[in-house]
Amino acid sequence: MENRNIMKELYQYVDDKNINGLKSLLAENVHFRLGNFESVRGLKNVLEANTSFFKSIESMKHQIDNIWQEKNDVICNGKVEYIRLDGSKHSITFASILTIIDGKIDNYLVYADVSKL
């Protein structure tokens, strides 16, 4: 699969809160960081961090505006709309950088201010 498509598939799984789909894209020793949260390493720990985040919101929908690729790195930016557990809405801009090795995400960085969720 082309690395740009992995970015699109990743955000479809994230929007669906699909942990098994997410797992299928991540390397065993993946490094993950979301906003100002601590970095997490290892597939099990990254899946736990995502599961915890997914439980903290009702839903989300990412709109990817641009995707760039340079060798193994894929970068995107866009907007994400969240619905909080109380039903209120919150929108933010985001950017993500993925490093993809042998078809798996090895480095997964998300730059977004999720502090108001």
PDB file of N, CA and C in Angstrom:
ATOM      1  N   MET A   1       0.849  -1.184   0.000  1.00  0.00           N
ATOM      2  CA  MET A   1       0.000   0.000   0.000  1.00  0.00           C
ATOM      3  C   MET A   1       0.892   1.243   0.000  1.00  0.00           C
ATOM      4  N   GLU A   2       0.505   2.220  -0.778  1.00  0.00           N
ATOM      5  CA  GLU A   2       1.245   3.479  -0.803  1.00  0.00           C
ATOM      6  C   GLU A   2       1.158   4.146   0.570  1.00  0.00           C
ATOM      7  N   ASN A   3       2.266   4.737   1.007  1.00  0.00           N
ATOM      8  CA  ASN A   3       2.318   5.335   2.343  1.00  0.00           C
ATOM      9  C   ASN A   3       1.267   6.420   2.551  1.00  0.00           C
ATOM     10  N   ARG A   4       0.942   7.171   1.517  1.00  0.00           N
ATOM     11  CA  ARG A   4      -0.097   8.207   1.642  1.00  0.00           C
ATOM     12  C   ARG A   4      -1.449   7.572   1.988  1.00  0.00           C
ATOM     13  N   ASN A   5      -1.703   6.405   1.436  1.00  0.00           N
ATOM     14  CA  ASN A   5      -2.958   5.708   1.726  1.00  0.00           C
ATOM     15  C   ASN A   5      -3.002   5.193   3.156  1.00  0.00           C
ATOM     16  N   ILE A   6      -1.835   4.864   3.710  1.00  0.00           N
ATOM     17  CA  ILE A   6      -1.787   4.438   5.115  1.00  0.00           C
ATOM     18  C   ILE A   6      -2.263   5.572   6.012  1.00  0.00           C
ATOM     19  N   MET A   7      -1.876   6.810   5.696  1.00  0.00           N
ATOM     20  CA  MET A   7      -2.336   7.965   6.479  1.00  0.00           C
ATOM     21  C   MET A   7      -3.862   8.050   6.430  1.00  0.00           C
ATOM     22  N   LYS A   8      -4.437   7.919   5.249  1.00  0.00           N
ATOM     23  CA  LYS A   8      -5.898   7.999   5.111  1.00  0.00           C
ATOM     24  C   LYS A   8      -6.583   6.861   5.866  1.00  0.00           C
ATOM     25  N   GLU A   9      -6.031   5.663   5.745  1.00  0.00           N
ATOM     26  CA  GLU A   9      -6.613   4.507   6.433  1.00  0.00           C
ATOM     27  C   GLU A   9      -6.509   4.671   7.948  1.00  0.00           C
ATOM     28  N   LEU A  10      -5.378   5.178   8.411  1.00  0.00           N
ATOM     29  CA  LEU A  10      -5.187   5.424   9.843  1.00  0.00           C
ATOM     30  C   LEU A  10      -6.308   6.300  10.389  1.00  0.00           C
ATOM     31  N   TYR A  11      -6.586   7.417   9.719  1.00  0.00           N
ATOM     32  CA  TYR A  11      -7.594   8.327  10.260  1.00  0.00           C
ATOM     33  C   TYR A  11      -9.012   7.793  10.103  1.00  0.00           C
ATOM     34  N   GLN A  12      -9.247   6.920   9.166  1.00  0.00           N
ATOM     35  CA  GLN A  12     -10.553   6.259   9.102  1.00  0.00           C
ATOM     36  C   GLN A  12     -10.725   5.345  10.316  1.00  0.00           C
ATOM     37  N   TYR A  13      -9.679   4.579  10.640  1.00  0.00           N
ATOM     38  CA  TYR A  13      -9.735   3.712  11.825  1.00  0.00           C
ATOM     39  C   TYR A  13      -9.880   4.532  13.106  1.00  0.00           C
ATOM     40  N   VAL A  14      -9.156   5.643  13.190  1.00  0.00           N
ATOM     41  CA  VAL A  14      -9.244   6.499  14.375  1.00  0.00           C
ATOM     42  C   VAL A  14     -10.661   7.060  14.503  1.00  0.00           C
ATOM     43  N   ASP A  15     -11.218   7.581  13.417  1.00  0.00           N
ATOM     44  CA  ASP A  15     -12.579   8.127  13.466  1.00  0.00           C
ATOM     45  C   ASP A  15     -13.604   7.064  13.853  1.00  0.00           C
ATOM     46  N   ASP A  16     -13.361   5.834  13.432  1.00  0.00           N
ATOM     47  CA  ASP A  16     -14.254   4.717  13.772  1.00  0.00           C
ATOM     48  C   ASP A  16     -13.967   4.129  15.148  1.00  0.00           C
ATOM     49  N   LYS A  17     -12.918   4.639  15.815  1.00  0.00           N
ATOM     50  CA  LYS A  17     -12.453   4.085  17.097  1.00  0.00           C
ATOM     51  C   LYS A  17     -12.186   2.585  16.960  1.00  0.00           C
ATOM     52  N   ASN A  18     -11.594   2.216  15.855  1.00  0.00           N
ATOM     53  CA  ASN A  18     -11.354   0.815  15.504  1.00  0.00           C
ATOM     54  C   ASN A  18      -9.944   0.413  15.939  1.00  0.00           C
ATOM     55  N   ILE A  19      -9.832  -0.121  17.145  1.00  0.00           N
ATOM     56  CA  ILE A  19      -8.532  -0.500  17.699  1.00  0.00           C
ATOM     57  C   ILE A  19      -7.889  -1.619  16.888  1.00  0.00           C
ATOM     58  N   ASN A  20      -8.658  -2.589  16.425  1.00  0.00           N
ATOM     59  CA  ASN A  20      -8.081  -3.678  15.630  1.00  0.00           C
ATOM     60  C   ASN A  20      -7.546  -3.170  14.296  1.00  0.00           C
ATOM     61  N   GLY A  21      -8.254  -2.245  13.678  1.00  0.00           N
ATOM     62  CA  GLY A  21      -7.753  -1.645  12.449  1.00  0.00           C
ATOM     63  C   GLY A  21      -6.471  -0.873  12.703  1.00  0.00           C
ATOM     64  N   LEU A  22      -6.463  -0.095  13.779  1.00  0.00           N
ATOM     65  CA  LEU A  22      -5.270   0.654  14.159  1.00  0.00           C
ATOM     66  C   LEU A  22      -4.097  -0.295  14.387  1.00  0.00           C
ATOM     67  N   LYS A  23      -4.359  -1.370  15.097  1.00  0.00           N
ATOM     68  CA  LYS A  23      -3.317  -2.367  15.389  1.00  0.00           C
ATOM     69  C   LYS A  23      -2.699  -2.907  14.102  1.00  0.00           C
ATOM     70  N   SER A  24      -3.508  -3.092  13.078  1.00  0.00           N
ATOM     71  CA  SER A  24      -3.013  -3.661  11.819  1.00  0.00           C
ATOM     72  C   SER A  24      -2.024  -2.742  11.100  1.00  0.00           C
ATOM     73  N   LEU A  25      -2.015  -1.456  11.443  1.00  0.00           N
ATOM     74  CA  LEU A  25      -1.140  -0.492  10.778  1.00  0.00           C
ATOM     75  C   LEU A  25       0.141  -0.191  11.540  1.00  0.00           C
ATOM     76  N   LEU A  26       0.196  -0.567  12.818  1.00  0.00           N
ATOM     77  CA  LEU A  26       1.298  -0.152  13.682  1.00  0.00           C
ATOM     78  C   LEU A  26       2.387  -1.210  13.794  1.00  0.00           C
ATOM     79  N   ALA A  27       3.640  -0.746  13.837  1.00  0.00           N
ATOM     80  CA  ALA A  27       4.784  -1.626  14.058  1.00  0.00           C
ATOM     81  C   ALA A  27       4.811  -2.063  15.526  1.00  0.00           C
ATOM     82  N   GLU A  28       5.467  -3.154  15.797  1.00  0.00           N
ATOM     83  CA  GLU A  28       5.543  -3.698  17.161  1.00  0.00           C
ATOM     84  C   GLU A  28       6.177  -2.706  18.139  1.00  0.00           C
ATOM     85  N   ASN A  29       7.168  -1.953  17.704  1.00  0.00           N
ATOM     86  CA  ASN A  29       7.873  -1.026  18.594  1.00  0.00           C
ATOM     87  C   ASN A  29       7.529   0.431  18.273  1.00  0.00           C
ATOM     88  N   VAL A  30       6.299   0.674  17.844  1.00  0.00           N
ATOM     89  CA  VAL A  30       5.850   2.004  17.434  1.00  0.00           C
ATOM     90  C   VAL A  30       6.044   3.027  18.552  1.00  0.00           C
ATOM     91  N   HIS A  31       6.399   4.244  18.147  1.00  0.00           N
ATOM     92  CA  HIS A  31       6.491   5.389  19.054  1.00  0.00           C
ATOM     93  C   HIS A  31       5.314   6.304  18.727  1.00  0.00           C
ATOM     94  N   PHE A  32       4.576   6.759  19.773  1.00  0.00           N
ATOM     95  CA  PHE A  32       3.366   7.569  19.582  1.00  0.00           C
ATOM     96  C   PHE A  32       3.393   8.754  20.529  1.00  0.00           C
ATOM     97  N   ARG A  33       2.985   9.903  20.001  1.00  0.00           N
ATOM     98  CA  ARG A  33       2.811  11.079  20.850  1.00  0.00           C
ATOM     99  C   ARG A  33       1.627  11.881  20.325  1.00  0.00           C
ATOM    100  N   LEU A  34       0.713  12.235  21.222  1.00  0.00           N
ATOM    101  CA  LEU A  34      -0.454  13.065  20.912  1.00  0.00           C
ATOM    102  C   LEU A  34      -0.346  14.353  21.707  1.00  0.00           C
ATOM    103  N   GLY A  35      -0.236  15.468  21.004  1.00  0.00           N
ATOM    104  CA  GLY A  35      -0.202  16.771  21.658  1.00  0.00           C
ATOM    105  C   GLY A  35       0.847  16.850  22.745  1.00  0.00           C
ATOM    106  N   ASN A  36       0.434  17.324  23.919  1.00  0.00           N
ATOM    107  CA  ASN A  36       1.349  17.478  25.047  1.00  0.00           C
ATOM    108  C   ASN A  36       1.396  16.266  25.963  1.00  0.00           C
ATOM    109  N   PHE A  37       0.727  15.184  25.587  1.00  0.00           N
ATOM    110  CA  PHE A  37       0.797  13.965  26.388  1.00  0.00           C
ATOM    111  C   PHE A  37       2.199  13.373  26.296  1.00  0.00           C
ATOM    112  N   GLU A  38       2.541  12.553  27.267  1.00  0.00           N
ATOM    113  CA  GLU A  38       3.826  11.857  27.251  1.00  0.00           C
ATOM    114  C   GLU A  38       3.899  10.920  26.054  1.00  0.00           C
ATOM    115  N   SER A  39       5.093  10.748  25.526  1.00  0.00           N
ATOM    116  CA  SER A  39       5.318   9.775  24.460  1.00  0.00           C
ATOM    117  C   SER A  39       5.088   8.369  24.987  1.00  0.00           C
ATOM    118  N   VAL A  40       4.637   7.501  24.100  1.00  0.00           N
ATOM    119  CA  VAL A  40       4.368   6.103  24.441  1.00  0.00           C
ATOM    120  C   VAL A  40       5.092   5.245  23.410  1.00  0.00           C
ATOM    121  N   ARG A  41       5.681   4.135  23.855  1.00  0.00           N
ATOM    122  CA  ARG A  41       6.373   3.242  22.926  1.00  0.00           C
ATOM    123  C   ARG A  41       5.874   1.819  23.114  1.00  0.00           C
ATOM    124  N   GLY A  42       5.760   1.112  21.999  1.00  0.00           N
ATOM    125  CA  GLY A  42       5.340  -0.282  22.010  1.00  0.00           C
ATOM    126  C   GLY A  42       3.877  -0.417  21.632  1.00  0.00           C
ATOM    127  N   LEU A  43       3.587  -1.427  20.825  1.00  0.00           N
ATOM    128  CA  LEU A  43       2.237  -1.622  20.290  1.00  0.00           C
ATOM    129  C   LEU A  43       1.180  -1.683  21.387  1.00  0.00           C
ATOM    130  N   LYS A  44       1.398  -2.497  22.397  1.00  0.00           N
ATOM    131  CA  LYS A  44       0.411  -2.650  23.479  1.00  0.00           C
ATOM    132  C   LYS A  44       0.131  -1.309  24.161  1.00  0.00           C
ATOM    133  N   ASN A  45       1.185  -0.574  24.494  1.00  0.00           N
ATOM    134  CA  ASN A  45       1.026   0.706  25.185  1.00  0.00           C
ATOM    135  C   ASN A  45       0.337   1.753  24.310  1.00  0.00           C
ATOM    136  N   VAL A  46       0.663   1.758  23.026  1.00  0.00           N
ATOM    137  CA  VAL A  46       0.043   2.721  22.108  1.00  0.00           C
ATOM    138  C   VAL A  46      -1.445   2.412  21.937  1.00  0.00           C
ATOM    139  N   LEU A  47      -1.786   1.145  21.830  1.00  0.00           N
ATOM    140  CA  LEU A  47      -3.202   0.776  21.713  1.00  0.00           C
ATOM    141  C   LEU A  47      -3.963   1.133  22.983  1.00  0.00           C
ATOM    142  N   GLU A  48      -3.344   0.929  24.150  1.00  0.00           N
ATOM    143  CA  GLU A  48      -3.987   1.315  25.415  1.00  0.00           C
ATOM    144  C   GLU A  48      -4.200   2.826  25.484  1.00  0.00           C
ATOM    145  N   ALA A  49      -3.211   3.604  25.056  1.00  0.00           N
ATOM    146  CA  ALA A  49      -3.340   5.067  25.067  1.00  0.00           C
ATOM    147  C   ALA A  49      -4.472   5.515  24.145  1.00  0.00           C
ATOM    148  N   ASN A  50      -4.566   4.910  22.966  1.00  0.00           N
ATOM    149  CA  ASN A  50      -5.639   5.261  22.034  1.00  0.00           C
ATOM    150  C   ASN A  50      -7.000   4.838  22.568  1.00  0.00           C
ATOM    151  N   THR A  51      -7.082   3.656  23.159  1.00  0.00           N
ATOM    152  CA  THR A  51      -8.344   3.198  23.750  1.00  0.00           C
ATOM    153  C   THR A  51      -8.811   4.174  24.820  1.00  0.00           C
ATOM    154  N   SER A  52      -7.892   4.610  25.663  1.00  0.00           N
ATOM    155  CA  SER A  52      -8.222   5.566  26.719  1.00  0.00           C
ATOM    156  C   SER A  52      -8.728   6.884  26.121  1.00  0.00           C
ATOM    157  N   PHE A  53      -8.052   7.371  25.095  1.00  0.00           N
ATOM    158  CA  PHE A  53      -8.487   8.609  24.453  1.00  0.00           C
ATOM    159  C   PHE A  53      -9.853   8.436  23.804  1.00  0.00           C
ATOM    160  N   PHE A  54     -10.063   7.324  23.120  1.00  0.00           N
ATOM    161  CA  PHE A  54     -11.350   7.071  22.467  1.00  0.00           C
ATOM    162  C   PHE A  54     -12.498   7.089  23.481  1.00  0.00           C
ATOM    163  N   LYS A  55     -12.252   6.583  24.684  1.00  0.00           N
ATOM    164  CA  LYS A  55     -13.290   6.555  25.725  1.00  0.00           C
ATOM    165  C   LYS A  55     -13.582   7.938  26.291  1.00  0.00           C
ATOM    166  N   SER A  56     -12.675   8.892  26.073  1.00  0.00           N
ATOM    167  CA  SER A  56     -12.839  10.225  26.650  1.00  0.00           C
ATOM    168  C   SER A  56     -13.719  11.139  25.795  1.00  0.00           C
ATOM    169  N   ILE A  57     -14.107  10.674  24.601  1.00  0.00           N
ATOM    170  CA  ILE A  57     -14.946  11.467  23.699  1.00  0.00           C
ATOM    171  C   ILE A  57     -16.060  10.589  23.126  1.00  0.00           C
ATOM    172  N   GLU A  58     -17.110  11.235  22.674  1.00  0.00           N
ATOM    173  CA  GLU A  58     -18.205  10.502  22.026  1.00  0.00           C
ATOM    174  C   GLU A  58     -17.808  10.082  20.613  1.00  0.00           C
ATOM    175  N   SER A  59     -17.279  11.053  19.840  1.00  0.00           N
ATOM    176  CA  SER A  59     -16.879  10.740  18.467  1.00  0.00           C
ATOM    177  C   SER A  59     -15.938  11.817  17.952  1.00  0.00           C
ATOM    178  N   MET A  60     -15.369  11.540  16.770  1.00  0.00           N
ATOM    179  CA  MET A  60     -14.499  12.504  16.100  1.00  0.00           C
ATOM    180  C   MET A  60     -14.542  12.242  14.605  1.00  0.00           C
ATOM    181  N   LYS A  61     -14.232  13.280  13.849  1.00  0.00           N
ATOM    182  CA  LYS A  61     -14.191  13.169  12.390  1.00  0.00           C
ATOM    183  C   LYS A  61     -13.058  14.048  11.878  1.00  0.00           C
ATOM    184  N   HIS A  62     -12.058  13.416  11.274  1.00  0.00           N
ATOM    185  CA  HIS A  62     -10.915  14.133  10.723  1.00  0.00           C
ATOM    186  C   HIS A  62     -11.166  14.500   9.264  1.00  0.00           C
ATOM    187  N   GLN A  63     -10.800  15.707   8.915  1.00  0.00           N
ATOM    188  CA  GLN A  63     -10.786  16.151   7.521  1.00  0.00           C
ATOM    189  C   GLN A  63      -9.328  16.440   7.174  1.00  0.00           C
ATOM    190  N   ILE A  64      -8.750  15.623   6.308  1.00  0.00           N
ATOM    191  CA  ILE A  64      -7.364  15.826   5.895  1.00  0.00           C
ATOM    192  C   ILE A  64      -7.360  16.781   4.707  1.00  0.00           C
ATOM    193  N   ASP A  65      -6.658  17.899   4.866  1.00  0.00           N
ATOM    194  CA  ASP A  65      -6.596  18.901   3.799  1.00  0.00           C
ATOM    195  C   ASP A  65      -5.434  18.659   2.838  1.00  0.00           C
ATOM    196  N   ASN A  66      -4.293  18.251   3.370  1.00  0.00           N
ATOM    197  CA  ASN A  66      -3.097  18.043   2.551  1.00  0.00           C
ATOM    198  C   ASN A  66      -2.325  16.841   3.064  1.00  0.00           C
ATOM    199  N   ILE A  67      -1.678  16.136   2.151  1.00  0.00           N
ATOM    200  CA  ILE A  67      -0.771  15.043   2.506  1.00  0.00           C
ATOM    201  C   ILE A  67       0.491  15.208   1.670  1.00  0.00           C
ATOM    202  N   TRP A  68       1.634  15.127   2.350  1.00  0.00           N
ATOM    203  CA  TRP A  68       2.926  15.181   1.675  1.00  0.00           C
ATOM    204  C   TRP A  68       3.708  13.930   2.041  1.00  0.00           C
ATOM    205  N   GLN A  69       4.529  13.480   1.111  1.00  0.00           N
ATOM    206  CA  GLN A  69       5.358  12.304   1.376  1.00  0.00           C
ATOM    207  C   GLN A  69       6.793  12.590   0.969  1.00  0.00           C
ATOM    208  N   GLU A  70       7.722  12.239   1.836  1.00  0.00           N
ATOM    209  CA  GLU A  70       9.153  12.351   1.561  1.00  0.00           C
ATOM    210  C   GLU A  70       9.807  11.070   2.057  1.00  0.00           C
ATOM    211  N   LYS A  71      10.138  10.203   1.131  1.00  0.00           N
ATOM    212  CA  LYS A  71      10.709   8.886   1.442  1.00  0.00           C
ATOM    213  C   LYS A  71       9.765   8.132   2.367  1.00  0.00           C
ATOM    214  N   ASN A  72      10.205   7.779   3.589  1.00  0.00           N
ATOM    215  CA  ASN A  72       9.374   6.998   4.517  1.00  0.00           C
ATOM    216  C   ASN A  72       8.451   7.854   5.381  1.00  0.00           C
ATOM    217  N   ASP A  73       8.561   9.168   5.265  1.00  0.00           N
ATOM    218  CA  ASP A  73       7.763  10.062   6.106  1.00  0.00           C
ATOM    219  C   ASP A  73       6.549  10.582   5.344  1.00  0.00           C
ATOM    220  N   VAL A  74       5.410  10.571   6.028  1.00  0.00           N
ATOM    221  CA  VAL A  74       4.167  11.100   5.473  1.00  0.00           C
ATOM    222  C   VAL A  74       3.642  12.138   6.459  1.00  0.00           C
ATOM    223  N   ILE A  75       3.282  13.295   5.949  1.00  0.00           N
ATOM    224  CA  ILE A  75       2.822  14.408   6.777  1.00  0.00           C
ATOM    225  C   ILE A  75       1.448  14.829   6.273  1.00  0.00           C
ATOM    226  N   CYS A  76       0.560  15.136   7.206  1.00  0.00           N
ATOM    227  CA  CYS A  76      -0.743  15.672   6.804  1.00  0.00           C
ATOM    228  C   CYS A  76      -1.140  16.797   7.736  1.00  0.00           C
ATOM    229  N   ASN A  77      -2.072  17.604   7.279  1.00  0.00           N
ATOM    230  CA  ASN A  77      -2.692  18.601   8.142  1.00  0.00           C
ATOM    231  C   ASN A  77      -4.175  18.654   7.813  1.00  0.00           C
ATOM    232  N   GLY A  78      -4.929  19.175   8.762  1.00  0.00           N
ATOM    233  CA  GLY A  78      -6.364  19.268   8.544  1.00  0.00           C
ATOM    234  C   GLY A  78      -7.087  19.753   9.777  1.00  0.00           C
ATOM    235  N   LYS A  79      -8.333  19.349   9.859  1.00  0.00           N
ATOM    236  CA  LYS A  79      -9.219  19.773  10.942  1.00  0.00           C
ATOM    237  C   LYS A  79      -9.902  18.531  11.497  1.00  0.00           C
ATOM    238  N   VAL A  80     -10.140  18.540  12.796  1.00  0.00           N
ATOM    239  CA  VAL A  80     -10.874  17.436  13.411  1.00  0.00           C
ATOM    240  C   VAL A  80     -12.010  18.022  14.242  1.00  0.00           C
ATOM    241  N   GLU A  81     -13.170  17.425  14.097  1.00  0.00           N
ATOM    242  CA  GLU A  81     -14.347  17.821  14.869  1.00  0.00           C
ATOM    243  C   GLU A  81     -14.627  16.739  15.891  1.00  0.00           C
ATOM    244  N   TYR A  82     -14.670  17.136  17.142  1.00  0.00           N
ATOM    245  CA  TYR A  82     -14.953  16.208  18.236  1.00  0.00           C
ATOM    246  C   TYR A  82     -16.351  16.455  18.770  1.00  0.00           C
ATOM    247  N   ILE A  83     -16.988  15.410  19.216  1.00  0.00           N
ATOM    248  CA  ILE A  83     -18.183  15.531  20.039  1.00  0.00           C
ATOM    249  C   ILE A  83     -17.798  14.961  21.397  1.00  0.00           C
ATOM    250  N   ARG A  84     -17.906  15.825  22.405  1.00  0.00           N
ATOM    251  CA  ARG A  84     -17.548  15.425  23.766  1.00  0.00           C
ATOM    252  C   ARG A  84     -18.619  14.493  24.327  1.00  0.00           C
ATOM    253  N   LEU A  85     -18.306  13.881  25.458  1.00  0.00           N
ATOM    254  CA  LEU A  85     -19.257  12.968  26.103  1.00  0.00           C
ATOM    255  C   LEU A  85     -20.550  13.671  26.499  1.00  0.00           C
ATOM    256  N   ASP A  86     -20.489  14.990  26.754  1.00  0.00           N
ATOM    257  CA  ASP A  86     -21.705  15.735  27.113  1.00  0.00           C
ATOM    258  C   ASP A  86     -22.490  16.202  25.883  1.00  0.00           C
ATOM    259  N   GLY A  87     -22.006  15.844  24.680  1.00  0.00           N
ATOM    260  CA  GLY A  87     -22.696  16.203  23.448  1.00  0.00           C
ATOM    261  C   GLY A  87     -22.241  17.507  22.819  1.00  0.00           C
ATOM    262  N   SER A  88     -21.431  18.287  23.523  1.00  0.00           N
ATOM    263  CA  SER A  88     -20.940  19.542  22.951  1.00  0.00           C
ATOM    264  C   SER A  88     -19.859  19.261  21.910  1.00  0.00           C
ATOM    265  N   LYS A  89     -19.671  20.228  21.010  1.00  0.00           N
ATOM    266  CA  LYS A  89     -18.726  20.061  19.903  1.00  0.00           C
ATOM    267  C   LYS A  89     -17.484  20.916  20.117  1.00  0.00           C
ATOM    268  N   HIS A  90     -16.381  20.438  19.569  1.00  0.00           N
ATOM    269  CA  HIS A  90     -15.118  21.172  19.636  1.00  0.00           C
ATOM    270  C   HIS A  90     -14.312  20.848  18.383  1.00  0.00           C
ATOM    271  N   SER A  91     -13.828  21.876  17.694  1.00  0.00           N
ATOM    272  CA  SER A  91     -13.040  21.693  16.472  1.00  0.00           C
ATOM    273  C   SER A  91     -11.635  22.237  16.678  1.00  0.00           C
ATOM    274  N   ILE A  92     -10.653  21.537  16.113  1.00  0.00           N
ATOM    275  CA  ILE A  92      -9.268  21.991  16.177  1.00  0.00           C
ATOM    276  C   ILE A  92      -8.571  21.661  14.860  1.00  0.00           C
ATOM    277  N   THR A  93      -7.464  22.331  14.633  1.00  0.00           N
ATOM    278  CA  THR A  93      -6.593  21.959  13.523  1.00  0.00           C
ATOM    279  C   THR A  93      -5.543  20.996  14.054  1.00  0.00           C
ATOM    280  N   PHE A  94      -4.990  20.194  13.155  1.00  0.00           N
ATOM    281  CA  PHE A  94      -3.974  19.222  13.559  1.00  0.00           C
ATOM    282  C   PHE A  94      -2.990  19.012  12.420  1.00  0.00           C
ATOM    283  N   ALA A  95      -1.861  18.451  12.772  1.00  0.00           N
ATOM    284  CA  ALA A  95      -0.884  17.967  11.797  1.00  0.00           C
ATOM    285  C   ALA A  95      -0.324  16.668  12.344  1.00  0.00           C
ATOM    286  N   SER A  96      -0.043  15.739  11.463  1.00  0.00           N
ATOM    287  CA  SER A  96       0.520  14.450  11.864  1.00  0.00           C
ATOM    288  C   SER A  96       1.717  14.115  10.994  1.00  0.00           C
ATOM    289  N   ILE A  97       2.667  13.450  11.618  1.00  0.00           N
ATOM    290  CA  ILE A  97       3.834  12.947  10.908  1.00  0.00           C
ATOM    291  C   ILE A  97       3.940  11.461  11.203  1.00  0.00           C
ATOM    292  N   LEU A  98       3.989  10.661  10.156  1.00  0.00           N
ATOM    293  CA  LEU A  98       4.179   9.222  10.287  1.00  0.00           C
ATOM    294  C   LEU A  98       5.489   8.838   9.620  1.00  0.00           C
ATOM    295  N   THR A  99       6.218   7.932  10.245  1.00  0.00           N
ATOM    296  CA  THR A  99       7.333   7.266   9.582  1.00  0.00           C
ATOM    297  C   THR A  99       6.889   5.832   9.361  1.00  0.00           C
ATOM    298  N   ILE A 100       6.941   5.407   8.113  1.00  0.00           N
ATOM    299  CA  ILE A 100       6.429   4.087   7.749  1.00  0.00           C
ATOM    300  C   ILE A 100       7.591   3.234   7.253  1.00  0.00           C
ATOM    301  N   ILE A 101       7.786   2.109   7.934  1.00  0.00           N
ATOM    302  CA  ILE A 101       8.856   1.171   7.603  1.00  0.00           C
ATOM    303  C   ILE A 101       8.215  -0.173   7.274  1.00  0.00           C
ATOM    304  N   ASP A 102       8.517  -0.703   6.107  1.00  0.00           N
ATOM    305  CA  ASP A 102       7.982  -2.003   5.681  1.00  0.00           C
ATOM    306  C   ASP A 102       6.459  -2.085   5.818  1.00  0.00           C
ATOM    307  N   GLY A 103       5.775  -0.995   5.469  1.00  0.00           N
ATOM    308  CA  GLY A 103       4.321  -0.984   5.467  1.00  0.00           C
ATOM    309  C   GLY A 103       3.663  -0.804   6.822  1.00  0.00           C
ATOM    310  N   LYS A 104       4.462  -0.555   7.874  1.00  0.00           N
ATOM    311  CA  LYS A 104       3.914  -0.361   9.225  1.00  0.00           C
ATOM    312  C   LYS A 104       4.348   0.992   9.773  1.00  0.00           C
ATOM    313  N   ILE A 105       3.485   1.603  10.569  1.00  0.00           N
ATOM    314  CA  ILE A 105       3.792   2.898  11.179  1.00  0.00           C
ATOM    315  C   ILE A 105       4.741   2.669  12.347  1.00  0.00           C
ATOM    316  N   ASP A 106       5.940   3.251  12.230  1.00  0.00           N
ATOM    317  CA  ASP A 106       6.980   3.102  13.242  1.00  0.00           C
ATOM    318  C   ASP A 106       7.036   4.317  14.165  1.00  0.00           C
ATOM    319  N   ASN A 107       6.679   5.473  13.643  1.00  0.00           N
ATOM    320  CA  ASN A 107       6.675   6.713  14.406  1.00  0.00           C
ATOM    321  C   ASN A 107       5.382   7.445  14.068  1.00  0.00           C
ATOM    322  N   TYR A 108       4.618   7.849  15.104  1.00  0.00           N
ATOM    323  CA  TYR A 108       3.261   8.377  14.929  1.00  0.00           C
ATOM    324  C   TYR A 108       3.139   9.604  15.825  1.00  0.00           C
ATOM    325  N   LEU A 109       3.293  10.781  15.238  1.00  0.00           N
ATOM    326  CA  LEU A 109       3.276  12.033  15.987  1.00  0.00           C
ATOM    327  C   LEU A 109       2.077  12.868  15.558  1.00  0.00           C
ATOM    328  N   VAL A 110       1.311  13.333  16.533  1.00  0.00           N
ATOM    329  CA  VAL A 110       0.136  14.162  16.261  1.00  0.00           C
ATOM    330  C   VAL A 110       0.319  15.488  16.986  1.00  0.00           C
ATOM    331  N   TYR A 111       0.273  16.569  16.223  1.00  0.00           N
ATOM    332  CA  TYR A 111       0.408  17.908  16.776  1.00  0.00           C
ATOM    333  C   TYR A 111      -0.970  18.555  16.777  1.00  0.00           C
ATOM    334  N   ALA A 112      -1.540  18.668  17.973  1.00  0.00           N
ATOM    335  CA  ALA A 112      -2.880  19.238  18.140  1.00  0.00           C
ATOM    336  C   ALA A 112      -3.048  19.639  19.597  1.00  0.00           C
ATOM    337  N   ASP A 113      -3.843  20.649  19.829  1.00  0.00           N
ATOM    338  CA  ASP A 113      -4.152  21.064  21.194  1.00  0.00           C
ATOM    339  C   ASP A 113      -5.481  20.432  21.598  1.00  0.00           C
ATOM    340  N   VAL A 114      -5.389  19.302  22.284  1.00  0.00           N
ATOM    341  CA  VAL A 114      -6.591  18.589  22.723  1.00  0.00           C
ATOM    342  C   VAL A 114      -6.924  18.903  24.185  1.00  0.00           C
ATOM    343  N   SER A 115      -6.317  19.949  24.731  1.00  0.00           N
ATOM    344  CA  SER A 115      -6.493  20.274  26.151  1.00  0.00           C
ATOM    345  C   SER A 115      -7.920  20.685  26.501  1.00  0.00           C
ATOM    346  N   LYS A 116      -8.697  21.161  25.540  1.00  0.00           N
ATOM    347  CA  LYS A 116     -10.064  21.612  25.837  1.00  0.00           C
ATOM    348  C   LYS A 116     -11.108  20.516  25.684  1.00  0.00           C
ATOM    349  N   LEU A 117     -10.645  19.291  25.423  1.00  0.00           N
ATOM    350  CA  LEU A 117     -11.597  18.188  25.319  1.00  0.00           C
ATOM    351  C   LEU A 117     -12.005  17.739  26.703  1.00  0.00           C
TER     352      LEU A 117
END
